[in-house]
């Protein structure tokens, strides 16, 4: 993966560059699924966190849970979640926009004073398309898109996943990039495109 490839993954549709990793242990909670799906989501999270050499925790001292994953059938269900409007300002207008766009997924990140990720909210409206995706594939896709602040166009044309035999895995180049981004020698957040050069250099160093 070249520096140009990496830069494209963190360059947003408005032309701005932003890359950030989690700055604290991830304390997850999943809503709207049965126990078997819950274990799949947590298994995917553990695998990606281990890959990144990051940490998980039972609770976050500030937020309780800092990675919240919601599965639901209709966007109208979100405003009914108690306390969610306090965590996500302007929840009602956001839901209206997502419903109008017929979106089936959305992620919101929150950041600390250093620009590192401190919280992520993942919303999955289980329409016909998402419902047809195997649970393992859906979980791994969502977790890898939550482990870093990617561009809003990063995986529009190509999935971060690959098929190996009968298993779905992270693409090796994406796995290497995730591990490099969590290298302690690099800053937790960067807004300068030159950060892509540093990431490219670290990919070989951490393998």
C-alpha atoms as a PDB file:
ATOM      1  CA  UNK A   1       0.000   0.000   0.000  1.00  0.00           C
ATOM      2  CA  UNK A   2       1.527   3.293  -1.099  1.00  0.00           C
ATOM      3  CA  UNK A   3       1.382   6.610   0.725  1.00  0.00           C
ATOM      4  CA  UNK A   4      -1.044   7.837  -1.947  1.00  0.00           C
ATOM      5  CA  UNK A   5      -3.313   4.834  -1.311  1.00  0.00           C
ATOM      6  CA  UNK A   6      -3.252   5.553   2.411  1.00  0.00           C
ATOM      7  CA  UNK A   7      -3.855   9.269   1.949  1.00  0.00           C
ATOM      8  CA  UNK A   8      -6.956   8.509  -0.137  1.00  0.00           C
ATOM      9  CA  UNK A   9      -8.409   6.373   2.683  1.00  0.00           C
ATOM     10  CA  UNK A  10      -8.307   9.336   5.072  1.00  0.00           C
ATOM     11  CA  UNK A  11      -9.142  12.186   2.679  1.00  0.00           C
ATOM     12  CA  UNK A  12     -12.775  13.146   3.025  1.00  0.00           C
ATOM     13  CA  UNK A  13     -15.130  14.139   0.235  1.00  0.00           C
ATOM     14  CA  UNK A  14     -14.579  17.812   1.136  1.00  0.00           C
ATOM     15  CA  UNK A  15     -10.828  17.395   0.537  1.00  0.00           C
ATOM     16  CA  UNK A  16      -9.760  17.486   4.187  1.00  0.00           C
ATOM     17  CA  UNK A  17      -7.409  14.881   5.654  1.00  0.00           C
ATOM     18  CA  UNK A  18      -8.136  13.344   9.055  1.00  0.00           C
ATOM     19  CA  UNK A  19      -6.829  10.180  10.678  1.00  0.00           C
ATOM     20  CA  UNK A  20      -7.514   9.229  14.292  1.00  0.00           C
ATOM     21  CA  UNK A  21      -7.302   6.121  16.446  1.00  0.00           C
ATOM     22  CA  UNK A  22      -8.841   5.334  19.805  1.00  0.00           C
ATOM     23  CA  UNK A  23      -7.101   7.066  22.697  1.00  0.00           C
ATOM     24  CA  UNK A  24      -8.644   4.927  25.440  1.00  0.00           C
ATOM     25  CA  UNK A  25      -9.701   1.303  25.956  1.00  0.00           C
ATOM     26  CA  UNK A  26     -12.879   0.372  24.086  1.00  0.00           C
ATOM     27  CA  UNK A  27     -15.870  -0.460  26.288  1.00  0.00           C
ATOM     28  CA  UNK A  28     -18.583  -1.808  23.966  1.00  0.00           C
ATOM     29  CA  UNK A  29     -22.314  -2.332  24.269  1.00  0.00           C
ATOM     30  CA  UNK A  30     -24.613  -3.763  21.589  1.00  0.00           C
ATOM     31  CA  UNK A  31     -28.363  -3.165  21.372  1.00  0.00           C
ATOM     32  CA  UNK A  32     -31.081  -4.965  19.439  1.00  0.00           C
ATOM     33  CA  UNK A  33     -29.558  -8.401  18.845  1.00  0.00           C
ATOM     34  CA  UNK A  34     -29.872 -11.889  20.266  1.00  0.00           C
ATOM     35  CA  UNK A  35     -27.098 -13.495  22.276  1.00  0.00           C
ATOM     36  CA  UNK A  36     -25.626 -15.410  19.341  1.00  0.00           C
ATOM     37  CA  UNK A  37     -25.248 -12.235  17.280  1.00  0.00           C
ATOM     38  CA  UNK A  38     -23.893 -10.386  20.293  1.00  0.00           C
ATOM     39  CA  UNK A  39     -21.098 -12.930  20.608  1.00  0.00           C
ATOM     40  CA  UNK A  40     -20.280 -12.518  16.904  1.00  0.00           C
ATOM     41  CA  UNK A  41     -19.985  -8.734  17.241  1.00  0.00           C
ATOM     42  CA  UNK A  42     -17.824  -8.969  20.338  1.00  0.00           C
ATOM     43  CA  UNK A  43     -15.674 -11.641  18.680  1.00  0.00           C
ATOM     44  CA  UNK A  44     -15.055  -9.336  15.720  1.00  0.00           C
ATOM     45  CA  UNK A  45     -14.219  -6.481  18.071  1.00  0.00           C
ATOM     46  CA  UNK A  46     -11.771  -8.590  20.061  1.00  0.00           C
ATOM     47  CA  UNK A  47     -10.056  -9.731  16.858  1.00  0.00           C
ATOM     48  CA  UNK A  48      -9.618  -6.203  15.493  1.00  0.00           C
ATOM     49  CA  UNK A  49      -8.549  -4.764  18.856  1.00  0.00           C
ATOM     50  CA  UNK A  50      -5.964  -7.534  19.200  1.00  0.00           C
ATOM     51  CA  UNK A  51      -4.719  -6.809  15.687  1.00  0.00           C
ATOM     52  CA  UNK A  52      -4.303  -3.136  16.603  1.00  0.00           C
ATOM     53  CA  UNK A  53      -2.621  -4.079  19.910  1.00  0.00           C
ATOM     54  CA  UNK A  54      -5.136  -1.854  21.618  1.00  0.00           C
ATOM     55  CA  UNK A  55      -7.202  -2.612  24.746  1.00  0.00           C
ATOM     56  CA  UNK A  56     -10.783  -3.314  25.740  1.00  0.00           C
ATOM     57  CA  UNK A  57     -12.449  -2.547  29.059  1.00  0.00           C
ATOM     58  CA  UNK A  58     -15.665  -3.394  30.885  1.00  0.00           C
ATOM     59  CA  UNK A  59     -16.526   0.277  31.360  1.00  0.00           C
ATOM     60  CA  UNK A  60     -15.308   3.716  30.381  1.00  0.00           C
ATOM     61  CA  UNK A  61     -14.901   6.047  33.390  1.00  0.00           C
ATOM     62  CA  UNK A  62     -16.432   8.979  31.518  1.00  0.00           C
ATOM     63  CA  UNK A  63     -19.157   7.408  29.390  1.00  0.00           C
ATOM     64  CA  UNK A  64     -19.740   3.934  30.793  1.00  0.00           C
ATOM     65  CA  UNK A  65     -19.767   2.459  27.292  1.00  0.00           C
ATOM     66  CA  UNK A  66     -17.897   4.293  24.560  1.00  0.00           C
ATOM     67  CA  UNK A  67     -18.644   2.052  21.563  1.00  0.00           C
ATOM     68  CA  UNK A  68     -22.385   1.669  21.127  1.00  0.00           C
ATOM     69  CA  UNK A  69     -23.748  -0.470  18.301  1.00  0.00           C
ATOM     70  CA  UNK A  70     -27.484  -0.275  17.561  1.00  0.00           C
ATOM     71  CA  UNK A  71     -29.374  -2.768  15.380  1.00  0.00           C
ATOM     72  CA  UNK A  72     -32.955  -1.780  14.474  1.00  0.00           C
ATOM     73  CA  UNK A  73     -35.609  -1.933  11.763  1.00  0.00           C
ATOM     74  CA  UNK A  74     -36.514   1.728  11.291  1.00  0.00           C
ATOM     75  CA  UNK A  75     -34.805   5.054  11.956  1.00  0.00           C
ATOM     76  CA  UNK A  76     -37.848   6.183  13.947  1.00  0.00           C
ATOM     77  CA  UNK A  77     -36.779   3.802  16.725  1.00  0.00           C
ATOM     78  CA  UNK A  78     -33.663   5.838  17.595  1.00  0.00           C
ATOM     79  CA  UNK A  79     -35.362   8.875  19.198  1.00  0.00           C
ATOM     80  CA  UNK A  80     -37.196   6.417  21.463  1.00  0.00           C
ATOM     81  CA  UNK A  81     -33.920   5.195  23.003  1.00  0.00           C
ATOM     82  CA  UNK A  82     -33.795   6.721  26.467  1.00  0.00           C
ATOM     83  CA  UNK A  83     -30.971   9.222  26.901  1.00  0.00           C
ATOM     84  CA  UNK A  84     -29.672   8.937  23.340  1.00  0.00           C
ATOM     85  CA  UNK A  85     -30.618  12.538  22.582  1.00  0.00           C
ATOM     86  CA  UNK A  86     -28.222  13.642  25.338  1.00  0.00           C
ATOM     87  CA  UNK A  87     -25.357  11.713  23.749  1.00  0.00           C
ATOM     88  CA  UNK A  88     -26.155  12.822  20.206  1.00  0.00           C
ATOM     89  CA  UNK A  89     -27.250  16.460  19.842  1.00  0.00           C
ATOM     90  CA  UNK A  90     -29.755  17.166  17.057  1.00  0.00           C
ATOM     91  CA  UNK A  91     -30.799  13.519  16.989  1.00  0.00           C
ATOM     92  CA  UNK A  92     -34.217  14.223  15.481  1.00  0.00           C
ATOM     93  CA  UNK A  93     -32.905  16.200  12.455  1.00  0.00           C
ATOM     94  CA  UNK A  94     -30.214  13.550  11.914  1.00  0.00           C
ATOM     95  CA  UNK A  95     -32.811  10.764  11.898  1.00  0.00           C
ATOM     96  CA  UNK A  96     -34.926  12.739   9.425  1.00  0.00           C
ATOM     97  CA  UNK A  97     -31.975  13.133   7.047  1.00  0.00           C
ATOM     98  CA  UNK A  98     -31.034   9.451   7.287  1.00  0.00           C
ATOM     99  CA  UNK A  99     -34.596   8.344   6.691  1.00  0.00           C
ATOM    100  CA  UNK A 100     -34.942  10.626   3.672  1.00  0.00           C
ATOM    101  CA  UNK A 101     -31.685   9.263   2.255  1.00  0.00           C
ATOM    102  CA  UNK A 102     -32.881   5.686   2.898  1.00  0.00           C
ATOM    103  CA  UNK A 103     -29.559   5.047   4.636  1.00  0.00           C
ATOM    104  CA  UNK A 104     -28.992   1.690   6.267  1.00  0.00           C
ATOM    105  CA  UNK A 105     -25.938   2.615   8.361  1.00  0.00           C
ATOM    106  CA  UNK A 106     -24.303   5.591  10.012  1.00  0.00           C
ATOM    107  CA  UNK A 107     -21.406   6.189  12.385  1.00  0.00           C
ATOM    108  CA  UNK A 108     -20.760   9.121  14.703  1.00  0.00           C
ATOM    109  CA  UNK A 109     -17.387   9.679  16.372  1.00  0.00           C
ATOM    110  CA  UNK A 110     -16.518  11.788  19.406  1.00  0.00           C
ATOM    111  CA  UNK A 111     -12.959  12.954  20.107  1.00  0.00           C
ATOM    112  CA  UNK A 112     -10.861  13.956  23.119  1.00  0.00           C
ATOM    113  CA  UNK A 113      -8.761  17.099  23.473  1.00  0.00           C
ATOM    114  CA  UNK A 114      -5.874  15.485  21.557  1.00  0.00           C
ATOM    115  CA  UNK A 115      -8.126  14.511  18.655  1.00  0.00           C
ATOM    116  CA  UNK A 116      -8.140  10.787  19.473  1.00  0.00           C
ATOM    117  CA  UNK A 117     -11.397   8.831  19.313  1.00  0.00           C
ATOM    118  CA  UNK A 118     -13.161   8.684  22.666  1.00  0.00           C
ATOM    119  CA  UNK A 119     -16.546   7.345  21.535  1.00  0.00           C
ATOM    120  CA  UNK A 120     -18.265   5.869  18.495  1.00  0.00           C
ATOM    121  CA  UNK A 121     -21.968   5.291  17.845  1.00  0.00           C
ATOM    122  CA  UNK A 122     -22.830   2.773  15.112  1.00  0.00           C
ATOM    123  CA  UNK A 123     -26.380   2.657  13.733  1.00  0.00           C
ATOM    124  CA  UNK A 124     -27.494  -0.244  11.530  1.00  0.00           C
ATOM    125  CA  UNK A 125     -30.964  -0.257  10.001  1.00  0.00           C
ATOM    126  CA  UNK A 126     -31.479  -3.878   9.079  1.00  0.00           C
ATOM    127  CA  UNK A 127     -33.043  -3.476   5.654  1.00  0.00           C
ATOM    128  CA  UNK A 128     -33.125  -6.261   3.057  1.00  0.00           C
ATOM    129  CA  UNK A 129     -29.521  -5.582   2.023  1.00  0.00           C
ATOM    130  CA  UNK A 130     -27.959  -5.683   5.497  1.00  0.00           C
ATOM    131  CA  UNK A 131     -30.187  -8.578   6.567  1.00  0.00           C
ATOM    132  CA  UNK A 132     -28.767 -10.643   3.705  1.00  0.00           C
ATOM    133  CA  UNK A 133     -25.184 -10.113   4.887  1.00  0.00           C
ATOM    134  CA  UNK A 134     -23.808 -12.909   7.132  1.00  0.00           C
ATOM    135  CA  UNK A 135     -23.490 -11.768  10.749  1.00  0.00           C
ATOM    136  CA  UNK A 136     -19.737 -12.388  10.821  1.00  0.00           C
ATOM    137  CA  UNK A 137     -19.195 -10.277   7.696  1.00  0.00           C
ATOM    138  CA  UNK A 138     -21.402  -7.434   8.899  1.00  0.00           C
ATOM    139  CA  UNK A 139     -19.782  -7.380  12.336  1.00  0.00           C
ATOM    140  CA  UNK A 140     -16.210  -7.390  11.024  1.00  0.00           C
ATOM    141  CA  UNK A 141     -17.001  -4.681   8.478  1.00  0.00           C
ATOM    142  CA  UNK A 142     -18.534  -2.399  11.098  1.00  0.00           C
ATOM    143  CA  UNK A 143     -15.767  -2.914  13.634  1.00  0.00           C
ATOM    144  CA  UNK A 144     -12.943  -2.177  11.204  1.00  0.00           C
ATOM    145  CA  UNK A 145     -14.772   0.992  10.150  1.00  0.00           C
ATOM    146  CA  UNK A 146     -14.991   1.990  13.818  1.00  0.00           C
ATOM    147  CA  UNK A 147     -11.393   1.244  14.864  1.00  0.00           C
ATOM    148  CA  UNK A 148     -10.081   4.279  12.937  1.00  0.00           C
ATOM    149  CA  UNK A 149     -11.535   7.508  11.618  1.00  0.00           C
ATOM    150  CA  UNK A 150     -11.583   6.687   7.906  1.00  0.00           C
ATOM    151  CA  UNK A 151     -12.683   8.949   5.081  1.00  0.00           C
ATOM    152  CA  UNK A 152     -16.403   9.004   4.366  1.00  0.00           C
ATOM    153  CA  UNK A 153     -15.516   7.579   0.923  1.00  0.00           C
ATOM    154  CA  UNK A 154     -12.832   5.079   2.023  1.00  0.00           C
ATOM    155  CA  UNK A 155     -14.753   1.885   1.287  1.00  0.00           C
ATOM    156  CA  UNK A 156     -17.315   3.180  -1.171  1.00  0.00           C
ATOM    157  CA  UNK A 157     -15.831   1.254  -4.101  1.00  0.00           C
ATOM    158  CA  UNK A 158     -14.002  -1.563  -2.340  1.00  0.00           C
ATOM    159  CA  UNK A 159     -14.775  -3.403   0.873  1.00  0.00           C
ATOM    160  CA  UNK A 160     -12.192  -3.574   3.671  1.00  0.00           C
ATOM    161  CA  UNK A 161     -12.852  -7.322   3.763  1.00  0.00           C
ATOM    162  CA  UNK A 162     -11.689 -10.268   1.670  1.00  0.00           C
ATOM    163  CA  UNK A 163     -12.675 -13.918   1.360  1.00  0.00           C
ATOM    164  CA  UNK A 164     -10.115 -16.585   2.272  1.00  0.00           C
ATOM    165  CA  UNK A 165     -11.507 -20.040   1.595  1.00  0.00           C
ATOM    166  CA  UNK A 166     -14.820 -20.138   3.438  1.00  0.00           C
ATOM    167  CA  UNK A 167     -13.880 -17.319   5.831  1.00  0.00           C
ATOM    168  CA  UNK A 168     -14.279 -13.564   5.633  1.00  0.00           C
ATOM    169  CA  UNK A 169     -11.191 -11.702   6.822  1.00  0.00           C
ATOM    170  CA  UNK A 170      -9.758  -8.212   6.768  1.00  0.00           C
ATOM    171  CA  UNK A 171      -7.893  -7.417   3.591  1.00  0.00           C
ATOM    172  CA  UNK A 172      -4.188  -7.839   4.434  1.00  0.00           C
ATOM    173  CA  UNK A 173      -3.405  -4.265   3.376  1.00  0.00           C
ATOM    174  CA  UNK A 174      -6.132  -2.867   5.620  1.00  0.00           C
ATOM    175  CA  UNK A 175      -5.011  -5.082   8.516  1.00  0.00           C
ATOM    176  CA  UNK A 176      -1.455  -3.805   8.109  1.00  0.00           C
ATOM    177  CA  UNK A 177      -2.643  -0.218   8.021  1.00  0.00           C
ATOM    178  CA  UNK A 178      -4.715  -0.628  11.194  1.00  0.00           C
ATOM    179  CA  UNK A 179      -1.737  -2.087  13.036  1.00  0.00           C
ATOM    180  CA  UNK A 180       0.538   0.689  11.769  1.00  0.00           C
ATOM    181  CA  UNK A 181      -1.933   3.403  12.817  1.00  0.00           C
ATOM    182  CA  UNK A 182      -1.812   2.108  16.400  1.00  0.00           C
ATOM    183  CA  UNK A 183       1.986   2.132  16.560  1.00  0.00           C
ATOM    184  CA  UNK A 184       2.830   4.186  19.697  1.00  0.00           C
ATOM    185  CA  UNK A 185       5.496   6.158  17.818  1.00  0.00           C
ATOM    186  CA  UNK A 186       2.763   7.817  15.747  1.00  0.00           C
ATOM    187  CA  UNK A 187       0.357  10.482  17.046  1.00  0.00           C
ATOM    188  CA  UNK A 188      -3.180   9.383  17.884  1.00  0.00           C
ATOM    189  CA  UNK A 189      -4.605  11.939  15.460  1.00  0.00           C
ATOM    190  CA  UNK A 190      -3.372  13.908  12.457  1.00  0.00           C
ATOM    191  CA  UNK A 191      -4.865  16.385  10.008  1.00  0.00           C
ATOM    192  CA  UNK A 192      -1.843  16.755   7.710  1.00  0.00           C
ATOM    193  CA  UNK A 193      -1.678  14.520   4.606  1.00  0.00           C
ATOM    194  CA  UNK A 194       2.025  13.918   5.325  1.00  0.00           C
ATOM    195  CA  UNK A 195       0.793  11.525   8.025  1.00  0.00           C
ATOM    196  CA  UNK A 196       0.147   9.051   5.194  1.00  0.00           C
ATOM    197  CA  UNK A 197       3.911   8.924   4.548  1.00  0.00           C
ATOM    198  CA  UNK A 198       4.546   8.055   8.183  1.00  0.00           C
ATOM    199  CA  UNK A 199       1.864   5.358   8.095  1.00  0.00           C
ATOM    200  CA  UNK A 200       3.370   3.858   4.956  1.00  0.00           C
ATOM    201  CA  UNK A 201       6.774   3.740   6.634  1.00  0.00           C
ATOM    202  CA  UNK A 202       5.356   2.063   9.739  1.00  0.00           C
ATOM    203  CA  UNK A 203       3.479  -0.669   7.872  1.00  0.00           C
ATOM    204  CA  UNK A 204       6.707  -2.508   7.091  1.00  0.00           C
ATOM    205  CA  UNK A 205       8.161  -1.774  10.505  1.00  0.00           C
ATOM    206  CA  UNK A 206       5.327  -3.343  12.514  1.00  0.00           C
ATOM    207  CA  UNK A 207       4.908  -6.502  10.422  1.00  0.00           C
END
